[in-house]
Structure formats: C-alpha cells, structure tokens
Amino acid sequence: MSDAIASIDPAAQAREPQAAPVAEARVADYVALLKPRVMSLVVFTGLVGMVVAPGSVNPVIAAFGLLCIAVGAGASGAINMWYDADIDAGMTRTRKRPIPMGRIAPGSALGFGATLAVGSVLAMGLFVNVTAAALLALTIGFYVFIYTMWLKRRTPQNIVIGGAAGAFPPMIGWAVVTGDVSIASIALFAIIFMWTPPHFWALSLYRCGDYAKVGVPMLPVVAGPAETRRQILIYSLLLVPVTFGPWFVGIGGPIYLAGAGLLGALFLFAAFRVWRDTSDRPAKQLFGYSILYLFLLFALLLAEGGFGLSL
C-alpha cells in the first residue's frame, strides 16, 4: 500500500523510511549536521550584539557565550535534519546531507542534537547568566518546535514567523554582556526578522520545484511566483527603514547610517529586478546579495562599536 501511495504522491515517496547507514559516520558528517554556514552567521550576529552592548564582560565569559551560541545553533540544525530527513531526501539541494545519504542514522542525529541543545543552555546558564540561557533555549525551541515541526509543512508563512529563530542571536549576545533585553537589542532582532522573508523567498523562487516535489508549502508553491515576487518587494521596502533602527536607538553611528542607506538602496534595486524579471537570475542574485547585505550591516556596527570608528 505504501509503495502505491509513494508512486502517486512524490511527497509521500520522500517520506519513506530511510535506509540504515552504509558506512561509519565521519567527523565531517557530524559537522555537516551543525549547518556550519548558518552557524557562522549566527555567531557573527551574536558577537555584534556583545560588542554594541553597554558595559563590559570578561573576555573568557564572552568567548564562552559565543561558543554556547554556536553549539545551540548547531544543535538546532542537527535536530532539524533529523526531523526533515524525509523531505531532504527528495530535494536536489539537500539530498546529499548525511542522513539521506545513509552516513548517519536518524536516531544518532537526534541524540547528537539534543545533547548539544541541553548542554549549551545549561552551560550558558551556569557560566554566563540566566537571561542569555533563557534566550538561547527560546531560540532552539522556536526553531525546532515552532518552525521545523509546526510551521514548515503547514503554512506559507513558515518563513515569516519562523524567521524569529534566526533573529535571536544578537539579543543573546547583548544579554551575555548586560544580563537583560532592551529596545536596542530588539532593534537588532528586527533587522534579521524582516530580512528573512525576502532572503528565503528569493531562494524558493528558483527552487520552487524542489519544495513542490516534497509538499513543503513555500510561498511560490502555494501563491505562485508572481505573488512571491510582489511579497519580496513589499518586505524589502519594509526592511530598509528597519535597518535604521540601531541609529535611532544609539548603537549605530553616522558610518552605519550611511552604509545602511547605501546597502538598502542596492537591496531595493535587486528586489525591484526580481519583481520585474520573471527569470531565475535576479532571484539568485538577490539571494546571494542578501547574505552579504546582512553581514555588511552587522560588520558596520561591529566596526563602530568594536574599533570606535566614527565621523
């Protein structure tokens, strides 16, 4: 019966049980579970949150806090790969991940991720502070339970709501130093939160077939490419003013303000091209630029806050 269903429904086929590992897992396979490219951006934004926060913290505590943020992010990635192993196997972009390829057993990935998740939160609470640990736990829980298990397969708003998980790291970094949450740290959160939809929708535009094949209701699958392009432009128009928030709350100076304006103008130009041009190329370019855009915004804050650059 399951074979008959899978032959009709590609998404059901993707959900068929995965084969047992055919080879012993390598260290590189466990590293891949941590989604290191995603982790690097998470750690960087967490570092910026620390640097722009008022006050100071022991460098050892700061480094340990960053390590906990990195481990927590990796734990989220590993649990996500465990839960999404069925759809990962059916998508060209993800089918070579360790679990679909049979290099790591699903149970091993879950145990690895859960251990890292609990360990990172406990370590943050014991050696840094409770506020930072609570925010880290919220981040992991939101990504795993709200985004991965609840939203991703049920609604095209998965990225809009689920994007909050990726926006917490600078707040965690801020809390490592101050032990609290402030309007300034929320301004950093807001940038990443508003950046996430146009970033991922650009990817989903040219990967639409992959998502449709496994039944993930990304916006282009449900609403169509034209509506997705319109939403990318709308969210981009909303994003750029939000990036001025750090200047308004006093953690970004004139260099940041000028840079945010220039980078935002380029982002809007790229989003406008996506709206007007129905080929894949503008979407690919926006997706690539969006990563650089976020990095440069936070790099400007780091330069002003960490090196005292100002006009």
Protein backbone atom coordinates (compact mmCIF):
# COMPACT_ATOMS: atom_id res chain seq x y z
CA MET A 1 0.00 0.00 0.00
CA SER A 2 2.78 2.48 0.93
CA ASP A 3 4.54 1.73 -2.37
CA ALA A 4 1.34 2.52 -4.31
CA ILE A 5 0.88 5.82 -2.48
CA ALA A 6 4.52 6.80 -2.96
CA SER A 7 4.27 6.13 -6.68
CA ILE A 8 1.41 8.65 -6.94
CA ASP A 9 2.50 11.24 -4.38
CA PRO A 10 6.13 12.40 -4.59
CA ALA A 11 5.90 13.89 -1.12
CA ALA A 12 4.85 10.52 0.28
CA GLN A 13 7.75 8.94 -1.55
CA ALA A 14 10.10 11.38 0.13
CA ARG A 15 8.70 10.36 3.50
CA GLU A 16 9.51 6.68 3.04
CA PRO A 17 11.82 5.35 5.80
CA GLN A 18 15.49 5.99 5.15
CA ALA A 19 17.98 3.17 4.74
CA ALA A 20 20.35 2.32 7.57
CA PRO A 21 23.79 3.89 7.36
CA VAL A 22 26.01 2.10 4.88
CA ALA A 23 29.26 3.35 6.37
CA GLU A 24 30.57 4.55 9.68
CA ALA A 25 29.93 8.24 10.19
CA ARG A 26 32.89 10.55 9.80
CA VAL A 27 33.62 13.66 11.83
CA ALA A 28 32.78 15.68 8.72
CA ASP A 29 29.29 14.18 8.70
CA TYR A 30 28.60 15.37 12.23
CA VAL A 31 30.00 18.78 11.36
CA ALA A 32 27.61 18.90 8.39
CA LEU A 33 24.70 18.25 10.77
CA LEU A 34 25.56 21.51 12.51
CA LYS A 35 24.93 23.55 9.33
CA PRO A 36 28.26 25.40 9.70
CA ARG A 37 27.47 28.11 7.13
CA VAL A 38 24.32 29.06 9.00
CA MET A 39 26.18 28.79 12.30
CA SER A 40 28.86 31.24 11.15
CA LEU A 41 26.30 33.99 10.52
CA VAL A 42 24.58 33.23 13.82
CA VAL A 43 27.86 33.52 15.73
CA PHE A 44 28.77 36.72 13.91
CA THR A 45 25.49 38.47 14.74
CA GLY A 46 25.78 37.22 18.32
CA LEU A 47 29.27 38.76 18.52
CA VAL A 48 27.94 42.08 17.25
CA GLY A 49 25.26 42.01 19.93
CA MET A 50 28.01 41.65 22.54
CA VAL A 51 30.19 44.40 21.10
CA VAL A 52 27.48 47.07 20.84
CA ALA A 53 26.02 46.28 24.28
CA PRO A 54 26.80 48.81 27.01
CA GLY A 55 29.25 47.80 29.72
CA SER A 56 31.87 45.10 29.56
CA VAL A 57 32.29 41.42 30.18
CA ASN A 58 35.28 39.21 30.91
CA PRO A 59 36.75 38.08 27.54
CA VAL A 60 36.67 34.46 28.68
CA ILE A 61 32.98 34.73 29.54
CA ALA A 62 32.31 36.43 26.19
CA ALA A 63 34.14 33.69 24.28
CA PHE A 64 32.27 31.02 26.24
CA GLY A 65 28.98 32.76 25.49
CA LEU A 66 29.77 32.75 21.78
CA LEU A 67 30.65 29.06 21.99
CA CYS A 68 27.28 28.33 23.59
CA ILE A 69 25.52 30.30 20.85
CA ALA A 70 27.41 28.32 18.20
CA VAL A 71 26.66 24.96 19.83
CA GLY A 72 23.00 25.87 20.30
CA ALA A 73 22.71 26.85 16.63
CA GLY A 74 24.38 23.61 15.59
CA ALA A 75 22.05 21.62 17.82
CA SER A 76 19.05 23.23 16.13
CA GLY A 77 20.46 22.32 12.73
CA ALA A 78 21.05 18.70 13.71
CA ILE A 79 17.54 18.24 15.09
CA ASN A 80 16.12 19.95 12.00
CA MET A 81 18.00 17.50 9.76
CA TRP A 82 16.69 14.58 11.81
CA TYR A 83 13.08 15.73 11.54
CA ASP A 84 13.32 16.75 7.89
CA ALA A 85 15.28 13.72 6.67
CA ASP A 86 12.30 12.59 4.59
CA ILE A 87 11.92 15.83 2.64
CA ASP A 88 15.69 16.34 2.47
CA ALA A 89 15.93 13.04 0.60
CA GLY A 90 13.53 14.28 -2.06
CA MET A 91 15.13 17.67 -2.70
CA THR A 92 18.07 18.21 -5.02
CA ARG A 93 19.53 20.88 -2.74
CA THR A 94 19.53 18.68 0.38
CA ARG A 95 19.60 15.06 -0.76
CA LYS A 96 23.34 14.71 -0.10
CA ARG A 97 23.05 15.58 3.57
CA PRO A 98 24.39 12.89 5.97
CA ILE A 99 21.06 11.30 6.93
CA PRO A 100 19.54 10.92 3.42
CA MET A 101 22.88 9.59 2.20
CA GLY A 102 22.83 6.96 4.94
CA ARG A 103 26.03 8.12 6.63
CA ILE A 104 24.35 8.94 9.95
CA ALA A 105 21.37 7.13 11.46
CA PRO A 106 18.40 9.39 12.27
CA GLY A 107 18.47 8.38 15.93
CA SER A 108 22.15 9.27 16.20
CA ALA A 109 21.50 12.70 14.71
CA LEU A 110 18.64 13.32 17.15
CA GLY A 111 20.71 12.24 20.13
CA PHE A 112 23.62 14.38 18.99
CA GLY A 113 21.44 17.45 18.52
CA ALA A 114 19.50 17.01 21.77
CA THR A 115 22.70 16.58 23.77
CA LEU A 116 24.20 19.73 22.30
CA ALA A 117 20.97 21.68 22.85
CA VAL A 118 20.67 20.79 26.53
CA GLY A 119 24.39 21.17 27.13
CA SER A 120 24.63 24.61 25.53
CA VAL A 121 21.69 26.00 27.50
CA LEU A 122 22.89 24.57 30.83
CA ALA A 123 26.43 25.83 30.23
CA MET A 124 25.16 29.30 29.32
CA GLY A 125 23.07 29.43 32.49
CA LEU A 126 25.81 28.14 34.78
CA PHE A 127 28.75 30.12 33.45
CA VAL A 128 27.26 33.23 31.82
CA ASN A 129 23.80 34.28 33.05
CA VAL A 130 20.23 33.08 33.20
CA THR A 131 18.83 35.65 30.74
CA ALA A 132 21.23 34.61 27.99
CA ALA A 133 20.47 30.94 28.71
CA ALA A 134 16.71 31.56 28.56
CA LEU A 135 17.05 33.35 25.21
CA LEU A 136 19.21 30.52 23.87
CA ALA A 137 16.64 27.95 24.98
CA LEU A 138 13.88 30.04 23.36
CA THR A 139 15.87 30.20 20.12
CA ILE A 140 16.42 26.44 19.96
CA GLY A 141 12.84 25.66 20.95
CA PHE A 142 11.40 28.12 18.46
CA TYR A 143 13.44 26.73 15.58
CA VAL A 144 12.79 23.09 16.41
CA PHE A 145 9.18 23.06 17.62
CA ILE A 146 7.60 26.18 16.07
CA TYR A 147 9.37 26.37 12.72
CA THR A 148 10.58 22.85 11.91
CA MET A 149 7.81 20.72 13.42
CA TRP A 150 4.80 23.02 13.20
CA LEU A 151 5.06 25.74 10.55
CA LYS A 152 7.34 24.47 7.82
CA ARG A 153 4.99 21.82 6.41
CA ARG A 154 1.72 23.60 7.16
CA THR A 155 1.78 27.21 6.03
CA PRO A 156 3.47 29.52 3.51
CA GLN A 157 4.02 31.86 6.45
CA ASN A 158 6.60 29.40 7.78
CA ILE A 159 9.49 31.72 6.95
CA VAL A 160 7.77 34.89 8.17
CA ILE A 161 7.03 33.53 11.65
CA GLY A 162 9.86 31.02 11.84
CA GLY A 163 12.38 33.70 10.96
CA ALA A 164 12.29 34.81 14.59
CA ALA A 165 14.54 31.88 15.48
CA GLY A 166 17.39 33.27 13.39
CA ALA A 167 16.86 36.78 14.76
CA PHE A 168 17.54 35.99 18.44
CA PRO A 169 21.38 35.58 18.41
CA PRO A 170 22.24 39.32 18.68
CA MET A 171 19.81 39.54 21.59
CA ILE A 172 21.59 36.62 23.22
CA GLY A 173 24.95 38.32 22.67
CA TRP A 174 23.57 41.52 24.21
CA ALA A 175 22.28 39.57 27.21
CA VAL A 176 25.69 37.91 27.72
CA VAL A 177 27.07 41.38 28.50
CA THR A 178 24.13 43.12 30.16
CA GLY A 179 22.01 40.29 31.52
CA ASP A 180 18.88 41.89 30.11
CA VAL A 181 16.82 42.63 26.99
CA SER A 182 16.49 46.20 25.74
CA ILE A 183 14.97 48.18 22.90
CA ALA A 184 18.43 48.29 21.30
CA SER A 185 18.75 44.50 21.20
CA ILE A 186 15.20 44.28 19.85
CA ALA A 187 16.26 46.65 17.04
CA LEU A 188 18.94 44.11 16.05
CA PHE A 189 16.37 41.32 16.24
CA ALA A 190 14.00 43.29 13.98
CA ILE A 191 16.58 43.62 11.20
CA ILE A 192 17.10 39.87 10.88
CA PHE A 193 13.41 39.15 11.34
CA MET A 194 12.44 41.44 8.44
CA TRP A 195 15.39 40.29 6.31
CA THR A 196 14.48 36.60 6.49
CA PRO A 197 11.36 36.52 4.22
CA PRO A 198 12.87 38.21 1.14
CA HIS A 199 16.08 36.21 1.64
CA PHE A 200 14.37 32.80 1.71
CA TRP A 201 11.63 33.64 -0.78
CA ALA A 202 14.33 34.55 -3.30
CA LEU A 203 15.78 31.07 -2.80
CA SER A 204 12.38 29.41 -3.01
CA LEU A 205 11.62 31.14 -6.32
CA TYR A 206 14.32 29.24 -8.17
CA ARG A 207 13.97 26.12 -6.02
CA CYS A 208 10.19 26.04 -6.28
CA GLY A 209 10.13 22.63 -7.96
CA ASP A 210 12.09 21.08 -5.11
CA TYR A 211 9.65 22.35 -2.49
CA ALA A 212 6.61 21.35 -4.55
CA LYS A 213 8.00 17.85 -5.04
CA VAL A 214 8.16 17.17 -1.31
CA GLY A 215 4.99 19.04 -0.36
CA VAL A 216 6.51 21.96 1.55
CA PRO A 217 4.10 24.92 1.15
CA MET A 218 6.62 27.65 0.41
CA LEU A 219 5.03 30.84 -0.89
CA PRO A 220 5.79 30.28 -4.61
CA VAL A 221 4.28 26.79 -4.38
CA VAL A 222 1.07 27.98 -2.75
CA ALA A 223 0.59 31.52 -4.08
CA GLY A 224 2.65 31.37 -7.26
CA PRO A 225 5.84 33.12 -8.41
CA ALA A 226 4.14 36.45 -9.24
CA GLU A 227 2.75 36.88 -5.70
CA THR A 228 6.09 35.80 -4.23
CA ARG A 229 7.91 38.47 -6.21
CA ARG A 230 5.40 41.05 -5.00
CA GLN A 231 5.86 39.97 -1.38
CA ILE A 232 9.65 40.12 -1.76
CA LEU A 233 9.37 43.74 -2.90
CA ILE A 234 6.94 44.64 -0.09
CA TYR A 235 9.11 43.08 2.62
CA SER A 236 12.22 44.71 1.14
CA LEU A 237 10.51 48.11 1.32
CA LEU A 238 9.70 47.40 4.98
CA LEU A 239 13.17 46.05 5.75
CA VAL A 240 15.24 49.07 4.74
CA PRO A 241 13.66 51.53 7.24
CA VAL A 242 14.01 48.89 9.97
CA THR A 243 17.77 48.79 9.37
CA PHE A 244 17.96 52.40 10.54
CA GLY A 245 16.76 51.29 13.99
CA PRO A 246 20.25 50.91 15.51
CA TRP A 247 20.98 54.55 14.65
CA PHE A 248 17.74 55.73 16.26
CA VAL A 249 18.46 53.85 19.49
CA GLY A 250 22.08 54.96 19.67
CA ILE A 251 24.06 51.81 18.91
CA GLY A 252 24.79 52.79 15.31
CA GLY A 253 26.63 55.96 14.32
CA PRO A 254 26.86 58.02 11.12
CA ILE A 255 29.01 55.43 9.33
CA TYR A 256 26.39 52.78 10.00
CA LEU A 257 23.57 55.11 8.93
CA ALA A 258 25.25 55.96 5.62
CA GLY A 259 26.16 52.33 4.98
CA ALA A 260 22.67 51.11 5.77
CA GLY A 261 21.24 53.64 3.33
CA LEU A 262 23.58 52.61 0.51
CA LEU A 263 23.24 48.88 1.12
CA GLY A 264 19.47 49.26 1.42
CA ALA A 265 19.26 51.08 -1.90
CA LEU A 266 21.10 48.20 -3.57
CA PHE A 267 18.80 45.70 -1.85
CA LEU A 268 15.73 47.53 -3.12
CA PHE A 269 17.19 47.65 -6.62
CA ALA A 270 17.75 43.88 -6.53
CA ALA A 271 14.23 43.28 -5.17
CA PHE A 272 12.75 45.52 -7.88
CA ARG A 273 14.55 43.47 -10.53
CA VAL A 274 13.07 40.29 -9.06
CA TRP A 275 9.61 41.86 -9.23
CA ARG A 276 10.02 42.90 -12.86
CA ASP A 277 12.06 39.99 -14.27
CA THR A 278 10.49 36.52 -14.19
CA SER A 279 13.73 34.63 -14.88
CA ASP A 280 15.68 32.88 -12.15
CA ARG A 281 18.77 35.05 -12.39
CA PRO A 282 17.51 38.10 -10.42
CA ALA A 283 16.24 35.84 -7.63
CA LYS A 284 19.61 34.08 -7.43
CA GLN A 285 21.37 37.44 -7.34
CA LEU A 286 19.09 38.76 -4.60
CA PHE A 287 19.59 35.62 -2.53
CA GLY A 288 23.38 35.91 -2.82
CA TYR A 289 23.40 39.64 -2.12
CA SER A 290 21.03 39.30 0.84
CA ILE A 291 23.65 37.26 2.71
CA LEU A 292 26.35 39.86 2.01
CA TYR A 293 23.89 42.62 2.91
CA LEU A 294 23.19 41.29 6.38
CA PHE A 295 26.86 40.60 7.01
CA LEU A 296 27.88 44.13 5.99
CA LEU A 297 25.17 45.77 8.09
CA PHE A 298 26.38 43.99 11.21
CA ALA A 299 30.03 44.50 10.21
CA LEU A 300 29.42 48.25 10.21
CA LEU A 301 28.00 48.03 13.74
CA LEU A 302 30.99 45.92 14.76
CA ALA A 303 33.42 48.43 13.28
CA GLU A 304 31.83 51.37 15.08
CA GLY A 305 31.28 49.56 18.35
CA GLY A 306 34.45 47.48 18.46
CA PHE A 307 37.00 49.76 16.85
CA GLY A 308 35.48 53.13 17.70
CA LEU A 309 35.15 54.25 14.09
CA SER A 310 33.09 57.39 13.72
CA LEU A 311 32.82 60.55 11.67
